[in-house]
Amino acid sequence: MEPITTNWSREELKAYILLYCAHADFIETQEEVDYIESKVNEVDYKKIHEEFDRDSDYESIQKIEYTIEKYNYSKEEIHDLFMRIKELFYLDGEYSAAEQSIFIGLKHLLGED
């Protein structure tokens, strides 16, 4: 099997991660869409959403991990990313078990302390 790679920009990576998180409970609300669109431009959002819709969970994780490593994100950049993820998860006032699981998994994967 060939390694999974991307040619995303940092903005596209942010869009992809936020989309991945928005789908933690398998429902993408308009509130979540609006939030993500406020953090990335519309072109990146649409392009990445089409790709995200075609990807399996395994492919998503591999792409996220590859691109984070590719850009050599600093601890501060990863921390900022997790702040955006928390904001997204709390949009509806709840922090579901599925969201908690995704959050913990991403923290482990991306090395957030």
PDB file of N, CA and C in Angstrom:
ATOM      1  N   MET A   1       0.844  -1.187   0.000  1.00  0.00           N
ATOM      2  CA  MET A   1       0.000   0.000   0.000  1.00  0.00           C
ATOM      3  C   MET A   1       0.887   1.247   0.000  1.00  0.00           C
ATOM      4  N   GLU A   2       0.532   2.191  -0.851  1.00  0.00           N
ATOM      5  CA  GLU A   2       1.282   3.441  -0.929  1.00  0.00           C
ATOM      6  C   GLU A   2       0.995   4.327   0.272  1.00  0.00           C
ATOM      7  N   PRO A   3       2.002   5.086   0.731  1.00  0.00           N
ATOM      8  CA  PRO A   3       1.743   6.003   1.848  1.00  0.00           C
ATOM      9  C   PRO A   3       0.741   7.085   1.425  1.00  0.00           C
ATOM     10  N   ILE A   4      -0.023   7.527   2.381  1.00  0.00           N
ATOM     11  CA  ILE A   4      -1.022   8.571   2.128  1.00  0.00           C
ATOM     12  C   ILE A   4      -0.371   9.926   2.379  1.00  0.00           C
ATOM     13  N   THR A   5      -0.413  10.792   1.380  1.00  0.00           N
ATOM     14  CA  THR A   5       0.197  12.117   1.479  1.00  0.00           C
ATOM     15  C   THR A   5      -0.810  13.178   1.030  1.00  0.00           C
ATOM     16  N   THR A   6      -0.429  14.422   1.214  1.00  0.00           N
ATOM     17  CA  THR A   6      -1.253  15.547   0.747  1.00  0.00           C
ATOM     18  C   THR A   6      -0.344  16.611   0.155  1.00  0.00           C
ATOM     19  N   ASN A   7      -0.947  17.537  -0.533  1.00  0.00           N
ATOM     20  CA  ASN A   7      -0.234  18.735  -0.976  1.00  0.00           C
ATOM     21  C   ASN A   7      -0.986  19.971  -0.475  1.00  0.00           C
ATOM     22  N   TRP A   8      -1.588  19.838   0.703  1.00  0.00           N
ATOM     23  CA  TRP A   8      -2.395  20.905   1.280  1.00  0.00           C
ATOM     24  C   TRP A   8      -1.545  22.067   1.771  1.00  0.00           C
ATOM     25  N   SER A   9      -2.185  23.224   1.791  1.00  0.00           N
ATOM     26  CA  SER A   9      -1.624  24.387   2.481  1.00  0.00           C
ATOM     27  C   SER A   9      -1.970  24.253   3.968  1.00  0.00           C
ATOM     28  N   ARG A  10      -1.424  25.120   4.764  1.00  0.00           N
ATOM     29  CA  ARG A  10      -1.757  25.121   6.199  1.00  0.00           C
ATOM     30  C   ARG A  10      -3.243  25.409   6.412  1.00  0.00           C
ATOM     31  N   GLU A  11      -3.802  26.298   5.600  1.00  0.00           N
ATOM     32  CA  GLU A  11      -5.227  26.628   5.716  1.00  0.00           C
ATOM     33  C   GLU A  11      -6.098  25.422   5.363  1.00  0.00           C
ATOM     34  N   GLU A  12      -5.694  24.689   4.342  1.00  0.00           N
ATOM     35  CA  GLU A  12      -6.447  23.503   3.967  1.00  0.00           C
ATOM     36  C   GLU A  12      -6.370  22.448   5.063  1.00  0.00           C
ATOM     37  N   LEU A  13      -5.216  22.311   5.683  1.00  0.00           N
ATOM     38  CA  LEU A  13      -5.088  21.388   6.807  1.00  0.00           C
ATOM     39  C   LEU A  13      -6.020  21.787   7.939  1.00  0.00           C
ATOM     40  N   LYS A  14      -6.053  23.064   8.255  1.00  0.00           N
ATOM     41  CA  LYS A  14      -6.942  23.535   9.325  1.00  0.00           C
ATOM     42  C   LYS A  14      -8.397  23.207   8.982  1.00  0.00           C
ATOM     43  N   ALA A  15      -8.785  23.456   7.738  1.00  0.00           N
ATOM     44  CA  ALA A  15     -10.150  23.152   7.309  1.00  0.00           C
ATOM     45  C   ALA A  15     -10.447  21.660   7.457  1.00  0.00           C
ATOM     46  N   TYR A  16      -9.506  20.831   7.045  1.00  0.00           N
ATOM     47  CA  TYR A  16      -9.702  19.387   7.105  1.00  0.00           C
ATOM     48  C   TYR A  16      -9.847  18.912   8.550  1.00  0.00           C
ATOM     49  N   ILE A  17      -8.980  19.384   9.423  1.00  0.00           N
ATOM     50  CA  ILE A  17      -9.050  18.970  10.834  1.00  0.00           C
ATOM     51  C   ILE A  17     -10.364  19.422  11.459  1.00  0.00           C
ATOM     52  N   LEU A  18     -10.769  20.642  11.186  1.00  0.00           N
ATOM     53  CA  LEU A  18     -12.029  21.120  11.752  1.00  0.00           C
ATOM     54  C   LEU A  18     -13.214  20.334  11.195  1.00  0.00           C
ATOM     55  N   LEU A  19     -13.184  19.993   9.919  1.00  0.00           N
ATOM     56  CA  LEU A  19     -14.240  19.148   9.344  1.00  0.00           C
ATOM     57  C   LEU A  19     -14.246  17.769   9.996  1.00  0.00           C
ATOM     58  N   TYR A  20     -13.070  17.210  10.183  1.00  0.00           N
ATOM     59  CA  TYR A  20     -12.952  15.912  10.838  1.00  0.00           C
ATOM     60  C   TYR A  20     -13.594  15.967  12.226  1.00  0.00           C
ATOM     61  N   CYS A  21     -13.312  17.017  12.943  1.00  0.00           N
ATOM     62  CA  CYS A  21     -13.868  17.179  14.292  1.00  0.00           C
ATOM     63  C   CYS A  21     -15.373  17.428  14.256  1.00  0.00           C
ATOM     64  N   ALA A  22     -15.826  18.194  13.281  1.00  0.00           N
ATOM     65  CA  ALA A  22     -17.264  18.468  13.155  1.00  0.00           C
ATOM     66  C   ALA A  22     -18.046  17.173  12.921  1.00  0.00           C
ATOM     67  N   HIS A  23     -17.396  16.202  12.333  1.00  0.00           N
ATOM     68  CA  HIS A  23     -18.055  14.932  12.040  1.00  0.00           C
ATOM     69  C   HIS A  23     -17.872  13.904  13.149  1.00  0.00           C
ATOM     70  N   ALA A  24     -17.371  14.317  14.285  1.00  0.00           N
ATOM     71  CA  ALA A  24     -17.165  13.391  15.410  1.00  0.00           C
ATOM     72  C   ALA A  24     -18.461  12.684  15.784  1.00  0.00           C
ATOM     73  N   ASP A  25     -19.567  13.407  15.722  1.00  0.00           N
ATOM     74  CA  ASP A  25     -20.866  12.825  16.054  1.00  0.00           C
ATOM     75  C   ASP A  25     -21.667  12.482  14.802  1.00  0.00           C
ATOM     76  N   PHE A  26     -21.004  12.474  13.647  1.00  0.00           N
ATOM     77  CA  PHE A  26     -21.582  12.118  12.354  1.00  0.00           C
ATOM     78  C   PHE A  26     -22.623  13.107  11.850  1.00  0.00           C
ATOM     79  N   ILE A  27     -22.672  14.288  12.467  1.00  0.00           N
ATOM     80  CA  ILE A  27     -23.607  15.329  12.059  1.00  0.00           C
ATOM     81  C   ILE A  27     -22.833  16.627  11.902  1.00  0.00           C
ATOM     82  N   GLU A  28     -22.958  17.236  10.749  1.00  0.00           N
ATOM     83  CA  GLU A  28     -22.315  18.528  10.502  1.00  0.00           C
ATOM     84  C   GLU A  28     -23.404  19.597  10.545  1.00  0.00           C
ATOM     85  N   THR A  29     -23.453  20.334  11.639  1.00  0.00           N
ATOM     86  CA  THR A  29     -24.498  21.343  11.797  1.00  0.00           C
ATOM     87  C   THR A  29     -24.136  22.620  11.045  1.00  0.00           C
ATOM     88  N   GLN A  30     -25.145  23.438  10.795  1.00  0.00           N
ATOM     89  CA  GLN A  30     -24.904  24.719  10.137  1.00  0.00           C
ATOM     90  C   GLN A  30     -24.017  25.605  11.008  1.00  0.00           C
ATOM     91  N   GLU A  31     -24.183  25.496  12.309  1.00  0.00           N
ATOM     92  CA  GLU A  31     -23.340  26.236  13.241  1.00  0.00           C
ATOM     93  C   GLU A  31     -21.866  25.873  13.051  1.00  0.00           C
ATOM     94  N   GLU A  32     -21.598  24.572  12.893  1.00  0.00           N
ATOM     95  CA  GLU A  32     -20.231  24.114  12.682  1.00  0.00           C
ATOM     96  C   GLU A  32     -19.693  24.565  11.334  1.00  0.00           C
ATOM     97  N   VAL A  33     -20.527  24.489  10.303  1.00  0.00           N
ATOM     98  CA  VAL A  33     -20.126  24.965   8.971  1.00  0.00           C
ATOM     99  C   VAL A  33     -19.770  26.438   9.031  1.00  0.00           C
ATOM    100  N   ASP A  34     -20.623  27.225   9.667  1.00  0.00           N
ATOM    101  CA  ASP A  34     -20.371  28.668   9.785  1.00  0.00           C
ATOM    102  C   ASP A  34     -19.064  28.933  10.528  1.00  0.00           C
ATOM    103  N   TYR A  35     -18.821  28.178  11.595  1.00  0.00           N
ATOM    104  CA  TYR A  35     -17.590  28.349  12.368  1.00  0.00           C
ATOM    105  C   TYR A  35     -16.376  28.051  11.501  1.00  0.00           C
ATOM    106  N   ILE A  36     -16.403  26.912  10.819  1.00  0.00           N
ATOM    107  CA  ILE A  36     -15.258  26.529   9.986  1.00  0.00           C
ATOM    108  C   ILE A  36     -15.035  27.563   8.885  1.00  0.00           C
ATOM    109  N   GLU A  37     -16.110  28.000   8.254  1.00  0.00           N
ATOM    110  CA  GLU A  37     -15.985  29.009   7.192  1.00  0.00           C
ATOM    111  C   GLU A  37     -15.450  30.338   7.724  1.00  0.00           C
ATOM    112  N   SER A  38     -15.644  30.603   9.007  1.00  0.00           N
ATOM    113  CA  SER A  38     -15.101  31.836   9.594  1.00  0.00           C
ATOM    114  C   SER A  38     -13.598  31.723   9.847  1.00  0.00           C
ATOM    115  N   LYS A  39     -13.083  30.485   9.836  1.00  0.00           N
ATOM    116  CA  LYS A  39     -11.662  30.254  10.120  1.00  0.00           C
ATOM    117  C   LYS A  39     -10.827  30.008   8.869  1.00  0.00           C
ATOM    118  N   VAL A  40     -11.475  29.648   7.751  1.00  0.00           N
ATOM    119  CA  VAL A  40     -10.767  29.391   6.496  1.00  0.00           C
ATOM    120  C   VAL A  40     -11.562  30.003   5.348  1.00  0.00           C
ATOM    121  N   ASN A  41     -10.897  30.234   4.220  1.00  0.00           N
ATOM    122  CA  ASN A  41     -11.626  30.848   3.110  1.00  0.00           C
ATOM    123  C   ASN A  41     -12.542  29.827   2.432  1.00  0.00           C
ATOM    124  N   GLU A  42     -13.525  30.343   1.727  1.00  0.00           N
ATOM    125  CA  GLU A  42     -14.582  29.520   1.139  1.00  0.00           C
ATOM    126  C   GLU A  42     -14.049  28.520   0.106  1.00  0.00           C
ATOM    127  N   VAL A  43     -13.084  28.938  -0.690  1.00  0.00           N
ATOM    128  CA  VAL A  43     -12.514  28.049  -1.719  1.00  0.00           C
ATOM    129  C   VAL A  43     -11.843  26.850  -1.068  1.00  0.00           C
ATOM    130  N   ASP A  44     -11.011  27.103  -0.046  1.00  0.00           N
ATOM    131  CA  ASP A  44     -10.346  26.009   0.670  1.00  0.00           C
ATOM    132  C   ASP A  44     -11.379  25.091   1.314  1.00  0.00           C
ATOM    133  N   TYR A  45     -12.403  25.685   1.916  1.00  0.00           N
ATOM    134  CA  TYR A  45     -13.425  24.903   2.597  1.00  0.00           C
ATOM    135  C   TYR A  45     -14.114  23.953   1.616  1.00  0.00           C
ATOM    136  N   LYS A  46     -14.544  24.465   0.483  1.00  0.00           N
ATOM    137  CA  LYS A  46     -15.264  23.630  -0.485  1.00  0.00           C
ATOM    138  C   LYS A  46     -14.372  22.530  -1.051  1.00  0.00           C
ATOM    139  N   LYS A  47     -13.142  22.893  -1.400  1.00  0.00           N
ATOM    140  CA  LYS A  47     -12.205  21.916  -1.959  1.00  0.00           C
ATOM    141  C   LYS A  47     -11.938  20.793  -0.952  1.00  0.00           C
ATOM    142  N   ILE A  48     -11.648  21.179   0.269  1.00  0.00           N
ATOM    143  CA  ILE A  48     -11.321  20.209   1.309  1.00  0.00           C
ATOM    144  C   ILE A  48     -12.542  19.376   1.691  1.00  0.00           C
ATOM    145  N   HIS A  49     -13.712  19.991   1.690  1.00  0.00           N
ATOM    146  CA  HIS A  49     -14.927  19.245   2.041  1.00  0.00           C
ATOM    147  C   HIS A  49     -15.169  18.124   1.031  1.00  0.00           C
ATOM    148  N   GLU A  50     -14.960  18.405  -0.238  1.00  0.00           N
ATOM    149  CA  GLU A  50     -15.128  17.368  -1.261  1.00  0.00           C
ATOM    150  C   GLU A  50     -14.156  16.216  -1.030  1.00  0.00           C
ATOM    151  N   GLU A  51     -12.919  16.541  -0.699  1.00  0.00           N
ATOM    152  CA  GLU A  51     -11.925  15.505  -0.424  1.00  0.00           C
ATOM    153  C   GLU A  51     -12.293  14.721   0.833  1.00  0.00           C
ATOM    154  N   PHE A  52     -12.671  15.448   1.877  1.00  0.00           N
ATOM    155  CA  PHE A  52     -13.043  14.819   3.142  1.00  0.00           C
ATOM    156  C   PHE A  52     -14.180  13.821   2.940  1.00  0.00           C
ATOM    157  N   ASP A  53     -15.164  14.187   2.141  1.00  0.00           N
ATOM    158  CA  ASP A  53     -16.314  13.315   1.908  1.00  0.00           C
ATOM    159  C   ASP A  53     -15.923  11.991   1.247  1.00  0.00           C
ATOM    160  N   ARG A  54     -14.818  11.970   0.518  1.00  0.00           N
ATOM    161  CA  ARG A  54     -14.362  10.746  -0.158  1.00  0.00           C
ATOM    162  C   ARG A  54     -13.462   9.884   0.724  1.00  0.00           C
ATOM    163  N   ASP A  55     -12.902  10.449   1.781  1.00  0.00           N
ATOM    164  CA  ASP A  55     -11.904   9.764   2.596  1.00  0.00           C
ATOM    165  C   ASP A  55     -12.527   8.876   3.672  1.00  0.00           C
ATOM    166  N   SER A  56     -11.837   7.777   3.944  1.00  0.00           N
ATOM    167  CA  SER A  56     -12.201   6.937   5.093  1.00  0.00           C
ATOM    168  C   SER A  56     -11.602   7.573   6.346  1.00  0.00           C
ATOM    169  N   ASP A  57     -12.001   7.067   7.504  1.00  0.00           N
ATOM    170  CA  ASP A  57     -11.437   7.566   8.757  1.00  0.00           C
ATOM    171  C   ASP A  57      -9.926   7.341   8.791  1.00  0.00           C
ATOM    172  N   TYR A  58      -9.503   6.169   8.327  1.00  0.00           N
ATOM    173  CA  TYR A  58      -8.075   5.856   8.291  1.00  0.00           C
ATOM    174  C   TYR A  58      -7.328   6.861   7.412  1.00  0.00           C
ATOM    175  N   GLU A  59      -7.861   7.138   6.224  1.00  0.00           N
ATOM    176  CA  GLU A  59      -7.214   8.095   5.322  1.00  0.00           C
ATOM    177  C   GLU A  59      -7.162   9.480   5.951  1.00  0.00           C
ATOM    178  N   SER A  60      -8.220   9.861   6.632  1.00  0.00           N
ATOM    179  CA  SER A  60      -8.255  11.171   7.294  1.00  0.00           C
ATOM    180  C   SER A  60      -7.130  11.307   8.310  1.00  0.00           C
ATOM    181  N   ILE A  61      -7.001  10.314   9.162  1.00  0.00           N
ATOM    182  CA  ILE A  61      -5.955  10.352  10.193  1.00  0.00           C
ATOM    183  C   ILE A  61      -4.573  10.389   9.555  1.00  0.00           C
ATOM    184  N   GLN A  62      -4.357   9.563   8.539  1.00  0.00           N
ATOM    185  CA  GLN A  62      -3.064   9.527   7.865  1.00  0.00           C
ATOM    186  C   GLN A  62      -2.732  10.880   7.219  1.00  0.00           C
ATOM    187  N   LYS A  63      -3.714  11.491   6.601  1.00  0.00           N
ATOM    188  CA  LYS A  63      -3.497  12.787   5.951  1.00  0.00           C
ATOM    189  C   LYS A  63      -3.194  13.874   6.976  1.00  0.00           C
ATOM    190  N   ILE A  64      -3.919  13.863   8.075  1.00  0.00           N
ATOM    191  CA  ILE A  64      -3.681  14.853   9.129  1.00  0.00           C
ATOM    192  C   ILE A  64      -2.270  14.681   9.690  1.00  0.00           C
ATOM    193  N   GLU A  65      -1.931  13.461  10.041  1.00  0.00           N
ATOM    194  CA  GLU A  65      -0.613  13.196  10.621  1.00  0.00           C
ATOM    195  C   GLU A  65       0.505  13.576   9.645  1.00  0.00           C
ATOM    196  N   TYR A  66       0.374  13.179   8.401  1.00  0.00           N
ATOM    197  CA  TYR A  66       1.393  13.491   7.386  1.00  0.00           C
ATOM    198  C   TYR A  66       1.589  15.000   7.236  1.00  0.00           C
ATOM    199  N   THR A  67       0.495  15.733   7.150  1.00  0.00           N
ATOM    200  CA  THR A  67       0.599  17.164   6.876  1.00  0.00           C
ATOM    201  C   THR A  67       1.109  17.940   8.079  1.00  0.00           C
ATOM    202  N   ILE A  68       0.729  17.543   9.280  1.00  0.00           N
ATOM    203  CA  ILE A  68       1.269  18.178  10.491  1.00  0.00           C
ATOM    204  C   ILE A  68       2.786  18.000  10.515  1.00  0.00           C
ATOM    205  N   GLU A  69       3.246  16.789  10.236  1.00  0.00           N
ATOM    206  CA  GLU A  69       4.686  16.528  10.224  1.00  0.00           C
ATOM    207  C   GLU A  69       5.382  17.284   9.095  1.00  0.00           C
ATOM    208  N   LYS A  70       4.744  17.341   7.942  1.00  0.00           N
ATOM    209  CA  LYS A  70       5.304  18.031   6.770  1.00  0.00           C
ATOM    210  C   LYS A  70       5.603  19.498   7.089  1.00  0.00           C
ATOM    211  N   TYR A  71       4.678  20.149   7.778  1.00  0.00           N
ATOM    212  CA  TYR A  71       4.856  21.558   8.099  1.00  0.00           C
ATOM    213  C   TYR A  71       5.592  21.780   9.410  1.00  0.00           C
ATOM    214  N   ASN A  72       5.948  20.697  10.091  1.00  0.00           N
ATOM    215  CA  ASN A  72       6.703  20.792  11.331  1.00  0.00           C
ATOM    216  C   ASN A  72       6.076  21.811  12.296  1.00  0.00           C
ATOM    217  N   TYR A  73       4.814  21.593  12.590  1.00  0.00           N
ATOM    218  CA  TYR A  73       4.083  22.508  13.471  1.00  0.00           C
ATOM    219  C   TYR A  73       4.779  22.630  14.819  1.00  0.00           C
ATOM    220  N   SER A  74       4.850  23.838  15.302  1.00  0.00           N
ATOM    221  CA  SER A  74       5.426  24.083  16.628  1.00  0.00           C
ATOM    222  C   SER A  74       4.394  23.718  17.698  1.00  0.00           C
ATOM    223  N   LYS A  75       4.857  23.602  18.931  1.00  0.00           N
ATOM    224  CA  LYS A  75       3.943  23.342  20.054  1.00  0.00           C
ATOM    225  C   LYS A  75       2.865  24.423  20.131  1.00  0.00           C
ATOM    226  N   GLU A  76       3.259  25.669  19.896  1.00  0.00           N
ATOM    227  CA  GLU A  76       2.300  26.782  19.959  1.00  0.00           C
ATOM    228  C   GLU A  76       1.250  26.667  18.861  1.00  0.00           C
ATOM    229  N   GLU A  77       1.667  26.301  17.649  1.00  0.00           N
ATOM    230  CA  GLU A  77       0.711  26.148  16.557  1.00  0.00           C
ATOM    231  C   GLU A  77      -0.263  25.006  16.830  1.00  0.00           C
ATOM    232  N   ILE A  78       0.241  23.918  17.387  1.00  0.00           N
ATOM    233  CA  ILE A  78      -0.629  22.796  17.723  1.00  0.00           C
ATOM    234  C   ILE A  78      -1.589  23.191  18.842  1.00  0.00           C
ATOM    235  N   HIS A  79      -1.094  23.928  19.819  1.00  0.00           N
ATOM    236  CA  HIS A  79      -1.956  24.411  20.903  1.00  0.00           C
ATOM    237  C   HIS A  79      -3.071  25.301  20.346  1.00  0.00           C
ATOM    238  N   ASP A  80      -2.718  26.217  19.442  1.00  0.00           N
ATOM    239  CA  ASP A  80      -3.726  27.101  18.826  1.00  0.00           C
ATOM    240  C   ASP A  80      -4.766  26.286  18.060  1.00  0.00           C
ATOM    241  N   LEU A  81      -4.320  25.268  17.373  1.00  0.00           N
ATOM    242  CA  LEU A  81      -5.226  24.402  16.633  1.00  0.00           C
ATOM    243  C   LEU A  81      -6.205  23.723  17.586  1.00  0.00           C
ATOM    244  N   PHE A  82      -5.717  23.253  18.717  1.00  0.00           N
ATOM    245  CA  PHE A  82      -6.596  22.609  19.679  1.00  0.00           C
ATOM    246  C   PHE A  82      -7.565  23.594  20.333  1.00  0.00           C
ATOM    247  N   MET A  83      -7.202  24.841  20.411  1.00  0.00           N
ATOM    248  CA  MET A  83      -8.136  25.859  20.910  1.00  0.00           C
ATOM    249  C   MET A  83      -9.309  26.003  19.931  1.00  0.00           C
ATOM    250  N   ARG A  84      -9.023  25.992  18.623  1.00  0.00           N
ATOM    251  CA  ARG A  84     -10.078  26.067  17.602  1.00  0.00           C
ATOM    252  C   ARG A  84     -10.975  24.832  17.678  1.00  0.00           C
ATOM    253  N   ILE A  85     -10.359  23.679  17.892  1.00  0.00           N
ATOM    254  CA  ILE A  85     -11.121  22.429  17.989  1.00  0.00           C
ATOM    255  C   ILE A  85     -12.066  22.491  19.189  1.00  0.00           C
ATOM    256  N   LYS A  86     -11.578  22.964  20.328  1.00  0.00           N
ATOM    257  CA  LYS A  86     -12.428  23.086  21.521  1.00  0.00           C
ATOM    258  C   LYS A  86     -13.593  24.030  21.255  1.00  0.00           C
ATOM    259  N   GLU A  87     -13.303  25.159  20.616  1.00  0.00           N
ATOM    260  CA  GLU A  87     -14.377  26.108  20.285  1.00  0.00           C
ATOM    261  C   GLU A  87     -15.440  25.426  19.429  1.00  0.00           C
ATOM    262  N   LEU A  88     -15.009  24.658  18.448  1.00  0.00           N
ATOM    263  CA  LEU A  88     -15.940  23.949  17.573  1.00  0.00           C
ATOM    264  C   LEU A  88     -16.788  22.961  18.373  1.00  0.00           C
ATOM    265  N   PHE A  89     -16.163  22.185  19.238  1.00  0.00           N
ATOM    266  CA  PHE A  89     -16.883  21.184  20.018  1.00  0.00           C
ATOM    267  C   PHE A  89     -17.907  21.804  20.967  1.00  0.00           C
ATOM    268  N   TYR A  90     -17.644  22.996  21.458  1.00  0.00           N
ATOM    269  CA  TYR A  90     -18.551  23.619  22.421  1.00  0.00           C
ATOM    270  C   TYR A  90     -19.610  24.510  21.780  1.00  0.00           C
ATOM    271  N   LEU A  91     -19.675  24.556  20.456  1.00  0.00           N
ATOM    272  CA  LEU A  91     -20.668  25.399  19.787  1.00  0.00           C
ATOM    273  C   LEU A  91     -22.092  25.091  20.220  1.00  0.00           C
ATOM    274  N   ASP A  92     -22.388  23.817  20.400  1.00  0.00           N
ATOM    275  CA  ASP A  92     -23.752  23.427  20.766  1.00  0.00           C
ATOM    276  C   ASP A  92     -23.951  23.323  22.273  1.00  0.00           C
ATOM    277  N   GLY A  93     -22.941  23.707  23.048  1.00  0.00           N
ATOM    278  CA  GLY A  93     -23.060  23.686  24.500  1.00  0.00           C
ATOM    279  C   GLY A  93     -22.813  22.324  25.122  1.00  0.00           C
ATOM    280  N   GLU A  94     -22.541  21.328  24.295  1.00  0.00           N
ATOM    281  CA  GLU A  94     -22.276  19.986  24.796  1.00  0.00           C
ATOM    282  C   GLU A  94     -20.920  19.510  24.301  1.00  0.00           C
ATOM    283  N   TYR A  95     -20.331  18.618  25.056  1.00  0.00           N
ATOM    284  CA  TYR A  95     -19.050  18.018  24.692  1.00  0.00           C
ATOM    285  C   TYR A  95     -19.253  16.519  24.790  1.00  0.00           C
ATOM    286  N   SER A  96     -19.733  15.929  23.713  1.00  0.00           N
ATOM    287  CA  SER A  96     -20.170  14.531  23.707  1.00  0.00           C
ATOM    288  C   SER A  96     -18.996  13.567  23.888  1.00  0.00           C
ATOM    289  N   ALA A  97     -19.340  12.332  24.182  1.00  0.00           N
ATOM    290  CA  ALA A  97     -18.319  11.292  24.340  1.00  0.00           C
ATOM    291  C   ALA A  97     -17.553  11.093  23.032  1.00  0.00           C
ATOM    292  N   ALA A  98     -18.245  11.158  21.910  1.00  0.00           N
ATOM    293  CA  ALA A  98     -17.580  11.014  20.603  1.00  0.00           C
ATOM    294  C   ALA A  98     -16.589  12.154  20.380  1.00  0.00           C
ATOM    295  N   GLU A  99     -16.988  13.369  20.725  1.00  0.00           N
ATOM    296  CA  GLU A  99     -16.097  14.526  20.583  1.00  0.00           C
ATOM    297  C   GLU A  99     -14.895  14.396  21.508  1.00  0.00           C
ATOM    298  N   GLN A 100     -15.130  13.949  22.729  1.00  0.00           N
ATOM    299  CA  GLN A 100     -14.038  13.751  23.672  1.00  0.00           C
ATOM    300  C   GLN A 100     -13.052  12.716  23.148  1.00  0.00           C
ATOM    301  N   SER A 101     -13.573  11.664  22.561  1.00  0.00           N
ATOM    302  CA  SER A 101     -12.727  10.605  22.022  1.00  0.00           C
ATOM    303  C   SER A 101     -11.866  11.122  20.868  1.00  0.00           C
ATOM    304  N   ILE A 102     -12.466  11.878  19.961  1.00  0.00           N
ATOM    305  CA  ILE A 102     -11.720  12.472  18.838  1.00  0.00           C
ATOM    306  C   ILE A 102     -10.659  13.423  19.374  1.00  0.00           C
ATOM    307  N   PHE A 103     -11.021  14.240  20.349  1.00  0.00           N
ATOM    308  CA  PHE A 103     -10.096  15.213  20.923  1.00  0.00           C
ATOM    309  C   PHE A 103      -8.883  14.518  21.535  1.00  0.00           C
ATOM    310  N   ILE A 104      -9.132  13.496  22.335  1.00  0.00           N
ATOM    311  CA  ILE A 104      -8.037  12.755  22.982  1.00  0.00           C
ATOM    312  C   ILE A 104      -7.170  12.059  21.930  1.00  0.00           C
ATOM    313  N   GLY A 105      -7.816  11.463  20.932  1.00  0.00           N
ATOM    314  CA  GLY A 105      -7.072  10.790  19.870  1.00  0.00           C
ATOM    315  C   GLY A 105      -6.175  11.756  19.107  1.00  0.00           C
ATOM    316  N   LEU A 106      -6.707  12.930  18.767  1.00  0.00           N
ATOM    317  CA  LEU A 106      -5.901  13.920  18.055  1.00  0.00           C
ATOM    318  C   LEU A 106      -4.775  14.462  18.931  1.00  0.00           C
ATOM    319  N   LYS A 107      -5.046  14.645  20.217  1.00  0.00           N
ATOM    320  CA  LYS A 107      -4.003  15.111  21.123  1.00  0.00           C
ATOM    321  C   LYS A 107      -2.848  14.101  21.150  1.00  0.00           C
ATOM    322  N   HIS A 108      -3.191  12.844  21.205  1.00  0.00           N
ATOM    323  CA  HIS A 108      -2.171  11.791  21.209  1.00  0.00           C
ATOM    324  C   HIS A 108      -1.420  11.781  19.879  1.00  0.00           C
ATOM    325  N   LEU A 109      -2.153  11.824  18.801  1.00  0.00           N
ATOM    326  CA  LEU A 109      -1.569  11.773  17.463  1.00  0.00           C
ATOM    327  C   LEU A 109      -0.644  12.951  17.181  1.00  0.00           C
ATOM    328  N   LEU A 110      -1.059  14.134  17.610  1.00  0.00           N
ATOM    329  CA  LEU A 110      -0.325  15.353  17.281  1.00  0.00           C
ATOM    330  C   LEU A 110       0.617  15.807  18.381  1.00  0.00           C
ATOM    331  N   GLY A 111       0.669  15.099  19.486  1.00  0.00           N
ATOM    332  CA  GLY A 111       1.642  15.402  20.529  1.00  0.00           C
ATOM    333  C   GLY A 111       1.329  16.638  21.356  1.00  0.00           C
ATOM    334  N   GLU A 112       0.046  16.945  21.505  1.00  0.00           N
ATOM    335  CA  GLU A 112      -0.354  18.081  22.349  1.00  0.00           C
ATOM    336  C   GLU A 112      -0.265  17.651  23.807  1.00  0.00           C
ATOM    337  N   ASP A 113       0.412  18.452  24.607  1.00  0.00           N
ATOM    338  CA  ASP A 113       0.550  18.132  26.050  1.00  0.00           C
ATOM    339  C   ASP A 113      -0.669  18.520  26.837  1.00  0.00           C
TER     340      ASP A 113
END
